[in-house]
């Protein structure tokens, strides 16, 4: 005879309770590296979160490379503009 209060012990796979399987799966998922290394956003965060995958690390590296060349171009344009304005004013 099965009691109604022991439903979690009756439903299961090969005699293992459903509650045990849920606890086991949650504990295994919490130790997976792609989930445990993920970062959470912070208030007033300016930059990217810490990368959890190599693809995101590549995106961050690409962002840094593009930003470096953009700053080099910006400095050259400002220099040419300032030089032109200085020499054309006389």
PDB file of N, CA and C in Angstrom:
ATOM      1  N   UNK A   1       0.834  -1.172   0.000  1.00  0.00           N
ATOM      2  CA  UNK A   1       0.000   0.000   0.000  1.00  0.00           C
ATOM      3  C   UNK A   1       0.883   1.240   0.000  1.00  0.00           C
ATOM      4  N   UNK A   2       0.522   2.215  -0.821  1.00  0.00           N
ATOM      5  CA  UNK A   2       1.303   3.435  -0.967  1.00  0.00           C
ATOM      6  C   UNK A   2       0.603   4.558  -0.238  1.00  0.00           C
ATOM      7  N   UNK A   3       1.354   5.265   0.600  1.00  0.00           N
ATOM      8  CA  UNK A   3       0.783   6.413   1.289  1.00  0.00           C
ATOM      9  C   UNK A   3       0.859   7.640   0.401  1.00  0.00           C
ATOM     10  N   UNK A   4      -0.043   8.574   0.563  1.00  0.00           N
ATOM     11  CA  UNK A   4      -0.108   9.776  -0.264  1.00  0.00           C
ATOM     12  C   UNK A   4       1.022  10.745   0.039  1.00  0.00           C
ATOM     13  N   UNK A   5       1.540  10.747   1.262  1.00  0.00           N
ATOM     14  CA  UNK A   5       2.571  11.711   1.631  1.00  0.00           C
ATOM     15  C   UNK A   5       3.951  11.314   1.098  1.00  0.00           C
ATOM     16  N   UNK A   6       4.131  10.078   0.658  1.00  0.00           N
ATOM     17  CA  UNK A   6       5.428   9.642   0.158  1.00  0.00           C
ATOM     18  C   UNK A   6       5.429   9.564  -1.371  1.00  0.00           C
ATOM     19  N   UNK A   7       4.828  10.545  -2.012  1.00  0.00           N
ATOM     20  CA  UNK A   7       4.747  10.563  -3.466  1.00  0.00           C
ATOM     21  C   UNK A   7       6.122  10.730  -4.101  1.00  0.00           C
ATOM     22  N   UNK A   8       6.985  11.512  -3.465  1.00  0.00           N
ATOM     23  CA  UNK A   8       8.312  11.722  -4.042  1.00  0.00           C
ATOM     24  C   UNK A   8       9.159  10.465  -3.967  1.00  0.00           C
ATOM     25  N   UNK A   9       8.850   9.554  -3.048  1.00  0.00           N
ATOM     26  CA  UNK A   9       9.600   8.311  -2.973  1.00  0.00           C
ATOM     27  C   UNK A   9       9.077   7.274  -3.944  1.00  0.00           C
ATOM     28  N   UNK A  10       7.810   7.389  -4.331  1.00  0.00           N
ATOM     29  CA  UNK A  10       7.219   6.422  -5.238  1.00  0.00           C
ATOM     30  C   UNK A  10       7.605   6.725  -6.676  1.00  0.00           C
ATOM     31  N   UNK A  11       7.529   8.002  -7.091  1.00  0.00           N
ATOM     32  CA  UNK A  11       7.866   8.373  -8.466  1.00  0.00           C
ATOM     33  C   UNK A  11       9.377   8.482  -8.567  1.00  0.00           C
ATOM     34  N   UNK A  12       9.950   7.728  -9.456  1.00  0.00           N
ATOM     35  CA  UNK A  12      11.387   7.780  -9.617  1.00  0.00           C
ATOM     36  C   UNK A  12      11.848   6.810 -10.674  1.00  0.00           C
ATOM     37  N   UNK A  13      13.157   6.714 -10.834  1.00  0.00           N
ATOM     38  CA  UNK A  13      13.747   5.836 -11.826  1.00  0.00           C
ATOM     39  C   UNK A  13      14.538   4.760 -11.094  1.00  0.00           C
ATOM     40  N   UNK A  14      14.155   3.522 -11.297  1.00  0.00           N
ATOM     41  CA  UNK A  14      14.842   2.367 -10.715  1.00  0.00           C
ATOM     42  C   UNK A  14      14.993   2.481  -9.198  1.00  0.00           C
ATOM     43  N   UNK A  15      13.956   2.939  -8.528  1.00  0.00           N
ATOM     44  CA  UNK A  15      13.993   3.014  -7.075  1.00  0.00           C
ATOM     45  C   UNK A  15      14.611   4.281  -6.518  1.00  0.00           C
ATOM     46  N   UNK A  16      15.097   5.197  -7.370  1.00  0.00           N
ATOM     47  CA  UNK A  16      15.675   6.457  -6.904  1.00  0.00           C
ATOM     48  C   UNK A  16      14.570   7.498  -6.885  1.00  0.00           C
ATOM     49  N   UNK A  17      14.458   8.229  -5.818  1.00  0.00           N
ATOM     50  CA  UNK A  17      13.352   9.174  -5.683  1.00  0.00           C
ATOM     51  C   UNK A  17      13.541  10.377  -6.596  1.00  0.00           C
ATOM     52  N   UNK A  18      12.436  11.002  -6.917  1.00  0.00           N
ATOM     53  CA  UNK A  18      12.454  12.183  -7.773  1.00  0.00           C
ATOM     54  C   UNK A  18      13.141  13.347  -7.069  1.00  0.00           C
ATOM     55  N   UNK A  19      12.923  13.472  -5.777  1.00  0.00           N
ATOM     56  CA  UNK A  19      13.570  14.543  -5.015  1.00  0.00           C
ATOM     57  C   UNK A  19      15.088  14.402  -5.059  1.00  0.00           C
ATOM     58  N   UNK A  20      15.589  13.176  -4.938  1.00  0.00           N
ATOM     59  CA  UNK A  20      17.029  12.941  -5.011  1.00  0.00           C
ATOM     60  C   UNK A  20      17.575  13.312  -6.385  1.00  0.00           C
ATOM     61  N   UNK A  21      16.832  12.951  -7.448  1.00  0.00           N
ATOM     62  CA  UNK A  21      17.282  13.288  -8.800  1.00  0.00           C
ATOM     63  C   UNK A  21      17.320  14.792  -9.033  1.00  0.00           C
ATOM     64  N   UNK A  22      16.345  15.512  -8.490  1.00  0.00           N
ATOM     65  CA  UNK A  22      16.333  16.971  -8.637  1.00  0.00           C
ATOM     66  C   UNK A  22      17.507  17.584  -7.901  1.00  0.00           C
ATOM     67  N   UNK A  23      17.764  17.162  -6.690  1.00  0.00           N
ATOM     68  CA  UNK A  23      18.892  17.693  -5.923  1.00  0.00           C
ATOM     69  C   UNK A  23      20.222  17.348  -6.597  1.00  0.00           C
ATOM     70  N   UNK A  24      20.331  16.144  -7.114  1.00  0.00           N
ATOM     71  CA  UNK A  24      21.555  15.738  -7.792  1.00  0.00           C
ATOM     72  C   UNK A  24      21.783  16.563  -9.052  1.00  0.00           C
ATOM     73  N   UNK A  25      20.734  16.768  -9.850  1.00  0.00           N
ATOM     74  CA  UNK A  25      20.898  17.535 -11.082  1.00  0.00           C
ATOM     75  C   UNK A  25      21.220  18.995 -10.787  1.00  0.00           C
ATOM     76  N   UNK A  26      20.609  19.576  -9.763  1.00  0.00           N
ATOM     77  CA  UNK A  26      20.923  20.961  -9.409  1.00  0.00           C
ATOM     78  C   UNK A  26      22.348  21.109  -8.896  1.00  0.00           C
ATOM     79  N   UNK A  27      22.832  20.145  -8.154  1.00  0.00           N
ATOM     80  CA  UNK A  27      24.203  20.237  -7.659  1.00  0.00           C
ATOM     81  C   UNK A  27      25.214  20.044  -8.784  1.00  0.00           C
ATOM     82  N   UNK A  28      24.901  19.210  -9.763  1.00  0.00           N
ATOM     83  CA  UNK A  28      25.806  19.019 -10.905  1.00  0.00           C
ATOM     84  C   UNK A  28      25.817  20.274 -11.771  1.00  0.00           C
ATOM     85  N   UNK A  29      24.652  20.864 -12.018  1.00  0.00           N
ATOM     86  CA  UNK A  29      24.573  22.065 -12.848  1.00  0.00           C
ATOM     87  C   UNK A  29      25.311  23.227 -12.199  1.00  0.00           C
ATOM     88  N   UNK A  30      25.284  23.324 -10.878  1.00  0.00           N
ATOM     89  CA  UNK A  30      25.937  24.451 -10.209  1.00  0.00           C
ATOM     90  C   UNK A  30      27.457  24.373 -10.299  1.00  0.00           C
ATOM     91  N   UNK A  31      28.016  23.202 -10.604  1.00  0.00           N
ATOM     92  CA  UNK A  31      29.460  23.080 -10.704  1.00  0.00           C
ATOM     93  C   UNK A  31      29.978  23.082 -12.135  1.00  0.00           C
ATOM     94  N   UNK A  32      29.096  23.263 -13.113  1.00  0.00           N
ATOM     95  CA  UNK A  32      29.553  23.329 -14.488  1.00  0.00           C
ATOM     96  C   UNK A  32      30.306  24.638 -14.713  1.00  0.00           C
ATOM     97  N   UNK A  33      31.439  24.600 -15.419  1.00  0.00           N
ATOM     98  CA  UNK A  33      32.259  25.811 -15.522  1.00  0.00           C
ATOM     99  C   UNK A  33      31.614  26.932 -16.321  1.00  0.00           C
ATOM    100  N   UNK A  34      30.822  26.633 -17.346  1.00  0.00           N
ATOM    101  CA  UNK A  34      30.266  27.718 -18.140  1.00  0.00           C
ATOM    102  C   UNK A  34      29.162  28.451 -17.404  1.00  0.00           C
ATOM    103  N   UNK A  35      28.623  27.868 -16.368  1.00  0.00           N
ATOM    104  CA  UNK A  35      27.606  28.550 -15.576  1.00  0.00           C
ATOM    105  C   UNK A  35      28.247  29.235 -14.372  1.00  0.00           C
ATOM    106  N   UNK A  36      29.194  28.577 -13.731  1.00  0.00           N
ATOM    107  CA  UNK A  36      29.769  29.140 -12.519  1.00  0.00           C
ATOM    108  C   UNK A  36      30.735  30.278 -12.804  1.00  0.00           C
ATOM    109  N   UNK A  37      31.289  30.381 -14.022  1.00  0.00           N
ATOM    110  CA  UNK A  37      32.203  31.466 -14.341  1.00  0.00           C
ATOM    111  C   UNK A  37      31.493  32.687 -14.904  1.00  0.00           C
ATOM    112  N   UNK A  38      30.200  32.595 -15.132  1.00  0.00           N
ATOM    113  CA  UNK A  38      29.461  33.716 -15.689  1.00  0.00           C
ATOM    114  C   UNK A  38      29.394  34.848 -14.665  1.00  0.00           C
ATOM    115  N   UNK A  39      29.426  36.070 -15.180  1.00  0.00           N
ATOM    116  CA  UNK A  39      29.421  37.241 -14.321  1.00  0.00           C
ATOM    117  C   UNK A  39      28.061  37.916 -14.402  1.00  0.00           C
ATOM    118  N   UNK A  40      27.745  38.709 -13.438  1.00  0.00           N
ATOM    119  CA  UNK A  40      26.469  39.427 -13.418  1.00  0.00           C
ATOM    120  C   UNK A  40      26.717  40.908 -13.630  1.00  0.00           C
ATOM    121  N   UNK A  41      25.791  41.618 -14.259  1.00  0.00           N
ATOM    122  CA  UNK A  41      25.982  43.059 -14.444  1.00  0.00           C
ATOM    123  C   UNK A  41      25.877  43.801 -13.114  1.00  0.00           C
ATOM    124  N   UNK A  42      26.575  44.917 -13.043  1.00  0.00           N
ATOM    125  CA  UNK A  42      26.543  45.747 -11.854  1.00  0.00           C
ATOM    126  C   UNK A  42      25.882  47.078 -12.198  1.00  0.00           C
ATOM    127  N   UNK A  43      25.431  47.782 -11.182  1.00  0.00           N
ATOM    128  CA  UNK A  43      24.834  49.091 -11.404  1.00  0.00           C
ATOM    129  C   UNK A  43      25.883  50.060 -11.948  1.00  0.00           C
ATOM    130  N   UNK A  44      25.516  50.830 -12.930  1.00  0.00           N
ATOM    131  CA  UNK A  44      26.356  51.826 -13.584  1.00  0.00           C
ATOM    132  C   UNK A  44      27.619  51.212 -14.184  1.00  0.00           C
ATOM    133  N   UNK A  45      27.522  50.015 -14.664  1.00  0.00           N
ATOM    134  CA  UNK A  45      28.658  49.334 -15.278  1.00  0.00           C
ATOM    135  C   UNK A  45      28.935  49.930 -16.646  1.00  0.00           C
ATOM    136  N   UNK A  46      30.198  50.246 -16.931  1.00  0.00           N
ATOM    137  CA  UNK A  46      30.567  50.880 -18.189  1.00  0.00           C
ATOM    138  C   UNK A  46      31.077  49.851 -19.190  1.00  0.00           C
ATOM    139  N   UNK A  47      31.937  48.949 -18.767  1.00  0.00           N
ATOM    140  CA  UNK A  47      32.547  47.991 -19.675  1.00  0.00           C
ATOM    141  C   UNK A  47      31.762  46.694 -19.788  1.00  0.00           C
ATOM    142  N   UNK A  48      32.402  45.726 -20.453  1.00  0.00           N
ATOM    143  CA  UNK A  48      31.793  44.417 -20.606  1.00  0.00           C
ATOM    144  C   UNK A  48      31.866  43.642 -19.297  1.00  0.00           C
ATOM    145  N   UNK A  49      31.042  42.602 -19.195  1.00  0.00           N
ATOM    146  CA  UNK A  49      31.156  41.666 -18.087  1.00  0.00           C
ATOM    147  C   UNK A  49      32.378  40.787 -18.331  1.00  0.00           C
ATOM    148  N   UNK A  50      32.814  40.077 -17.305  1.00  0.00           N
ATOM    149  CA  UNK A  50      33.906  39.137 -17.479  1.00  0.00           C
ATOM    150  C   UNK A  50      33.460  38.051 -18.446  1.00  0.00           C
ATOM    151  N   UNK A  51      34.313  37.700 -19.429  1.00  0.00           N
ATOM    152  CA  UNK A  51      33.894  36.718 -20.431  1.00  0.00           C
ATOM    153  C   UNK A  51      33.786  35.319 -19.831  1.00  0.00           C
ATOM    154  N   UNK A  52      32.744  34.614 -20.248  1.00  0.00           N
ATOM    155  CA  UNK A  52      32.541  33.237 -19.791  1.00  0.00           C
ATOM    156  C   UNK A  52      32.905  32.241 -20.879  1.00  0.00           C
ATOM    157  N   UNK A  53      33.072  32.702 -22.121  1.00  0.00           N
ATOM    158  CA  UNK A  53      33.416  31.813 -23.229  1.00  0.00           C
ATOM    159  C   UNK A  53      34.560  32.422 -24.027  1.00  0.00           C
ATOM    160  N   UNK A  54      35.274  31.602 -24.785  1.00  0.00           N
ATOM    161  CA  UNK A  54      36.338  32.132 -25.636  1.00  0.00           C
ATOM    162  C   UNK A  54      35.809  33.069 -26.729  1.00  0.00           C
ATOM    163  N   UNK A  55      34.588  32.861 -27.168  1.00  0.00           N
ATOM    164  CA  UNK A  55      34.010  33.745 -28.189  1.00  0.00           C
ATOM    165  C   UNK A  55      33.836  35.147 -27.624  1.00  0.00           C
ATOM    166  N   UNK A  56      33.328  35.253 -26.411  1.00  0.00           N
ATOM    167  CA  UNK A  56      33.160  36.573 -25.801  1.00  0.00           C
ATOM    168  C   UNK A  56      34.497  37.221 -25.542  1.00  0.00           C
ATOM    169  N   UNK A  57      35.511  36.442 -25.200  1.00  0.00           N
ATOM    170  CA  UNK A  57      36.859  36.997 -25.025  1.00  0.00           C
ATOM    171  C   UNK A  57      37.367  37.567 -26.345  1.00  0.00           C
ATOM    172  N   UNK A  58      37.083  36.881 -27.445  1.00  0.00           N
ATOM    173  CA  UNK A  58      37.458  37.393 -28.759  1.00  0.00           C
ATOM    174  C   UNK A  58      36.722  38.671 -29.111  1.00  0.00           C
ATOM    175  N   UNK A  59      35.439  38.767 -28.753  1.00  0.00           N
ATOM    176  CA  UNK A  59      34.670  39.986 -29.009  1.00  0.00           C
ATOM    177  C   UNK A  59      35.246  41.150 -28.212  1.00  0.00           C
ATOM    178  N   UNK A  60      35.623  40.913 -26.976  1.00  0.00           N
ATOM    179  CA  UNK A  60      36.211  41.972 -26.150  1.00  0.00           C
ATOM    180  C   UNK A  60      37.560  42.399 -26.721  1.00  0.00           C
ATOM    181  N   UNK A  61      38.380  41.437 -27.155  1.00  0.00           N
ATOM    182  CA  UNK A  61      39.666  41.781 -27.767  1.00  0.00           C
ATOM    183  C   UNK A  61      39.477  42.583 -29.049  1.00  0.00           C
ATOM    184  N   UNK A  62      38.495  42.203 -29.873  1.00  0.00           N
ATOM    185  CA  UNK A  62      38.196  42.955 -31.086  1.00  0.00           C
ATOM    186  C   UNK A  62      37.754  44.375 -30.744  1.00  0.00           C
ATOM    187  N   UNK A  63      36.950  44.526 -29.710  1.00  0.00           N
ATOM    188  CA  UNK A  63      36.512  45.851 -29.271  1.00  0.00           C
ATOM    189  C   UNK A  63      37.707  46.713 -28.880  1.00  0.00           C
ATOM    190  N   UNK A  64      38.649  46.133 -28.137  1.00  0.00           N
ATOM    191  CA  UNK A  64      39.832  46.889 -27.728  1.00  0.00           C
ATOM    192  C   UNK A  64      40.691  47.280 -28.927  1.00  0.00           C
ATOM    193  N   UNK A  65      40.852  46.378 -29.892  1.00  0.00           N
ATOM    194  CA  UNK A  65      41.646  46.684 -31.081  1.00  0.00           C
ATOM    195  C   UNK A  65      41.001  47.796 -31.911  1.00  0.00           C
ATOM    196  N   UNK A  66      39.695  47.694 -32.122  1.00  0.00           N
ATOM    197  CA  UNK A  66      38.993  48.719 -32.899  1.00  0.00           C
ATOM    198  C   UNK A  66      39.061  50.066 -32.187  1.00  0.00           C
ATOM    199  N   UNK A  67      38.906  50.056 -30.871  1.00  0.00           N
ATOM    200  CA  UNK A  67      38.944  51.303 -30.123  1.00  0.00           C
ATOM    201  C   UNK A  67      40.328  51.938 -30.182  1.00  0.00           C
ATOM    202  N   UNK A  68      41.398  51.146 -30.158  1.00  0.00           N
ATOM    203  CA  UNK A  68      42.755  51.674 -30.256  1.00  0.00           C
ATOM    204  C   UNK A  68      42.959  52.385 -31.592  1.00  0.00           C
ATOM    205  N   UNK A  69      42.580  51.734 -32.702  1.00  0.00           N
ATOM    206  CA  UNK A  69      42.766  52.354 -34.003  1.00  0.00           C
ATOM    207  C   UNK A  69      41.856  53.569 -34.182  1.00  0.00           C
ATOM    208  N   UNK A  70      40.680  53.528 -33.576  1.00  0.00           N
ATOM    209  CA  UNK A  70      39.794  54.687 -33.638  1.00  0.00           C
ATOM    210  C   UNK A  70      40.414  55.884 -32.917  1.00  0.00           C
ATOM    211  N   UNK A  71      41.067  55.646 -31.797  1.00  0.00           N
ATOM    212  CA  UNK A  71      41.731  56.735 -31.084  1.00  0.00           C
ATOM    213  C   UNK A  71      42.922  57.276 -31.863  1.00  0.00           C
ATOM    214  N   UNK A  72      43.674  56.396 -32.521  1.00  0.00           N
ATOM    215  CA  UNK A  72      44.802  56.854 -33.346  1.00  0.00           C
ATOM    216  C   UNK A  72      44.294  57.743 -34.469  1.00  0.00           C
ATOM    217  N   UNK A  73      43.239  57.336 -35.141  1.00  0.00           N
ATOM    218  CA  UNK A  73      42.668  58.139 -36.226  1.00  0.00           C
ATOM    219  C   UNK A  73      42.129  59.456 -35.682  1.00  0.00           C
ATOM    220  N   UNK A  74      41.492  59.438 -34.528  1.00  0.00           N
ATOM    221  CA  UNK A  74      40.964  60.659 -33.926  1.00  0.00           C
ATOM    222  C   UNK A  74      42.081  61.645 -33.598  1.00  0.00           C
ATOM    223  N   UNK A  75      43.164  61.163 -33.037  1.00  0.00           N
ATOM    224  CA  UNK A  75      44.288  62.045 -32.710  1.00  0.00           C
ATOM    225  C   UNK A  75      44.882  62.635 -33.984  1.00  0.00           C
ATOM    226  N   UNK A  76      45.032  61.855 -35.045  1.00  0.00           N
ATOM    227  CA  UNK A  76      45.581  62.377 -36.298  1.00  0.00           C
ATOM    228  C   UNK A  76      44.656  63.425 -36.926  1.00  0.00           C
ATOM    229  N   UNK A  77      43.353  63.192 -36.889  1.00  0.00           N
ATOM    230  CA  UNK A  77      42.410  64.156 -37.457  1.00  0.00           C
ATOM    231  C   UNK A  77      42.420  65.452 -36.653  1.00  0.00           C
ATOM    232  N   UNK A  78      42.447  65.356 -35.331  1.00  0.00           N
ATOM    233  CA  UNK A  78      42.499  66.568 -34.506  1.00  0.00           C
ATOM    234  C   UNK A  78      43.811  67.316 -34.743  1.00  0.00           C
ATOM    235  N   UNK A  79      44.909  66.592 -34.886  1.00  0.00           N
ATOM    236  CA  UNK A  79      46.200  67.233 -35.158  1.00  0.00           C
ATOM    237  C   UNK A  79      46.172  67.957 -36.499  1.00  0.00           C
ATOM    238  N   UNK A  80      45.638  67.292 -37.539  1.00  0.00           N
ATOM    239  CA  UNK A  80      45.570  67.943 -38.854  1.00  0.00           C
ATOM    240  C   UNK A  80      44.639  69.152 -38.822  1.00  0.00           C
ATOM    241  N   UNK A  81      43.530  69.058 -38.124  1.00  0.00           N
ATOM    242  CA  UNK A  81      42.598  70.178 -38.024  1.00  0.00           C
ATOM    243  C   UNK A  81      43.231  71.357 -37.285  1.00  0.00           C
ATOM    244  N   UNK A  82      43.894  71.083 -36.169  1.00  0.00           N
ATOM    245  CA  UNK A  82      44.540  72.151 -35.402  1.00  0.00           C
ATOM    246  C   UNK A  82      45.671  72.782 -36.204  1.00  0.00           C
ATOM    247  N   UNK A  83      46.454  71.983 -36.896  1.00  0.00           N
ATOM    248  CA  UNK A  83      47.562  72.512 -37.712  1.00  0.00           C
ATOM    249  C   UNK A  83      47.033  73.364 -38.842  1.00  0.00           C
ATOM    250  N   UNK A  84      45.948  72.916 -39.492  1.00  0.00           N
ATOM    251  CA  UNK A  84      45.359  73.670 -40.586  1.00  0.00           C
ATOM    252  C   UNK A  84      44.786  75.010 -40.089  1.00  0.00           C
ATOM    253  N   UNK A  85      44.081  74.973 -38.978  1.00  0.00           N
ATOM    254  CA  UNK A  85      43.525  76.196 -38.438  1.00  0.00           C
ATOM    255  C   UNK A  85      44.616  77.172 -37.961  1.00  0.00           C
ATOM    256  N   UNK A  86      45.689  76.654 -37.432  1.00  0.00           N
ATOM    257  CA  UNK A  86      46.784  77.508 -36.963  1.00  0.00           C
ATOM    258  C   UNK A  86      47.503  78.167 -38.145  1.00  0.00           C
ATOM    259  N   UNK A  87      47.803  77.422 -39.181  1.00  0.00           N
ATOM    260  CA  UNK A  87      48.542  77.971 -40.323  1.00  0.00           C
ATOM    261  C   UNK A  87      47.673  78.830 -41.228  1.00  0.00           C
ATOM    262  N   UNK A  88      46.374  78.590 -41.299  1.00  0.00           N
ATOM    263  CA  UNK A  88      45.494  79.376 -42.167  1.00  0.00           C
ATOM    264  C   UNK A  88      45.043  80.666 -41.490  1.00  0.00           C
ATOM    265  N   UNK A  89      45.250  80.786 -40.185  1.00  0.00           N
ATOM    266  CA  UNK A  89      44.805  81.979 -39.489  1.00  0.00           C
ATOM    267  C   UNK A  89      45.764  83.159 -39.723  1.00  0.00           C
ATOM    268  N   UNK A  90      46.994  82.916 -40.181  1.00  0.00           N
ATOM    269  CA  UNK A  90      47.957  83.992 -40.414  1.00  0.00           C
ATOM    270  C   UNK A  90      48.032  84.381 -41.846  1.00  0.00           C
TER     271      UNK A  90
END
